[in-house]
């Protein structure tokens, strides 16, 4: 079952919930119970090919924790 992310139009809370695709548009806000919610685009991850030693290949620089954001 997919995990969907939403933002409430009434109280601006952001939340996520597991729902079948058929019920994804029936979500209600977990904080205020409002029915006026917007489904957000979610970030997802995909498995990557493992190196010859079974470890994941290192990611190239430029992303978070690649040094580009300055917080790592």
Protein backbone atom coordinates (compact mmCIF):
# COMPACT_ATOMS: atom_id res chain seq x y z
CA UNK A 1 0.00 0.00 0.00
CA UNK A 2 1.50 3.39 -0.97
CA UNK A 3 2.41 6.11 1.50
CA UNK A 4 0.86 9.45 0.51
CA UNK A 5 1.81 12.92 1.79
CA UNK A 6 -0.75 15.69 2.26
CA UNK A 7 -1.06 19.32 3.42
CA UNK A 8 -4.26 20.58 5.02
CA UNK A 9 -5.76 23.73 3.47
CA UNK A 10 -7.39 24.67 6.80
CA UNK A 11 -4.59 24.33 9.39
CA UNK A 12 -1.55 23.89 7.05
CA UNK A 13 -0.48 20.67 8.83
CA UNK A 14 1.53 18.22 6.75
CA UNK A 15 1.00 14.52 7.29
CA UNK A 16 1.39 11.18 5.59
CA UNK A 17 -0.82 8.15 5.54
CA UNK A 18 -0.93 4.67 4.04
CA UNK A 19 -3.87 4.34 1.66
CA UNK A 20 -4.87 2.31 -1.33
CA UNK A 21 -4.77 4.19 -4.63
CA UNK A 22 -8.58 4.02 -4.74
CA UNK A 23 -8.83 5.86 -1.37
CA UNK A 24 -5.95 8.34 -1.82
CA UNK A 25 -8.36 11.22 -2.51
CA UNK A 26 -10.47 10.54 0.60
CA UNK A 27 -7.85 11.67 3.14
CA UNK A 28 -8.75 13.90 6.08
CA UNK A 29 -6.36 16.02 8.13
CA UNK A 30 -4.96 14.16 11.13
CA UNK A 31 -4.76 17.38 13.20
CA UNK A 32 -8.05 19.22 12.57
CA UNK A 33 -10.13 16.61 10.71
CA UNK A 34 -10.57 18.88 7.69
CA UNK A 35 -11.42 17.30 4.36
CA UNK A 36 -9.75 20.00 2.27
CA UNK A 37 -6.27 18.51 1.80
CA UNK A 38 -3.80 18.63 -1.07
CA UNK A 39 -1.76 15.59 -2.00
CA UNK A 40 1.93 16.50 -2.23
CA UNK A 41 4.53 15.11 -4.58
CA UNK A 42 6.60 12.63 -2.63
CA UNK A 43 10.31 11.95 -2.85
CA UNK A 44 11.12 8.29 -3.24
CA UNK A 45 14.25 6.21 -3.30
CA UNK A 46 15.14 3.33 -5.54
CA UNK A 47 17.64 0.57 -4.90
CA UNK A 48 21.00 1.01 -6.56
CA UNK A 49 23.33 -1.57 -7.98
CA UNK A 50 25.77 -2.95 -5.44
CA UNK A 51 29.51 -2.83 -5.98
CA UNK A 52 31.60 -5.98 -6.33
CA UNK A 53 31.97 -6.19 -2.53
CA UNK A 54 28.19 -6.01 -1.98
CA UNK A 55 28.23 -2.41 -0.72
CA UNK A 56 26.30 0.34 -2.42
CA UNK A 57 28.28 2.49 -4.79
CA UNK A 58 29.14 5.94 -3.36
CA UNK A 59 26.93 8.76 -4.57
CA UNK A 60 28.50 11.52 -6.62
CA UNK A 61 29.03 14.91 -4.98
CA UNK A 62 26.54 17.73 -5.33
CA UNK A 63 23.68 16.43 -3.19
CA UNK A 64 23.04 16.70 0.49
CA UNK A 65 25.93 15.16 2.41
CA UNK A 66 27.96 15.40 -0.77
CA UNK A 67 29.32 18.68 0.54
CA UNK A 68 27.28 21.01 -1.68
CA UNK A 69 24.69 22.02 0.93
CA UNK A 70 27.28 23.09 3.50
CA UNK A 71 25.56 21.31 6.40
CA UNK A 72 27.61 18.12 6.27
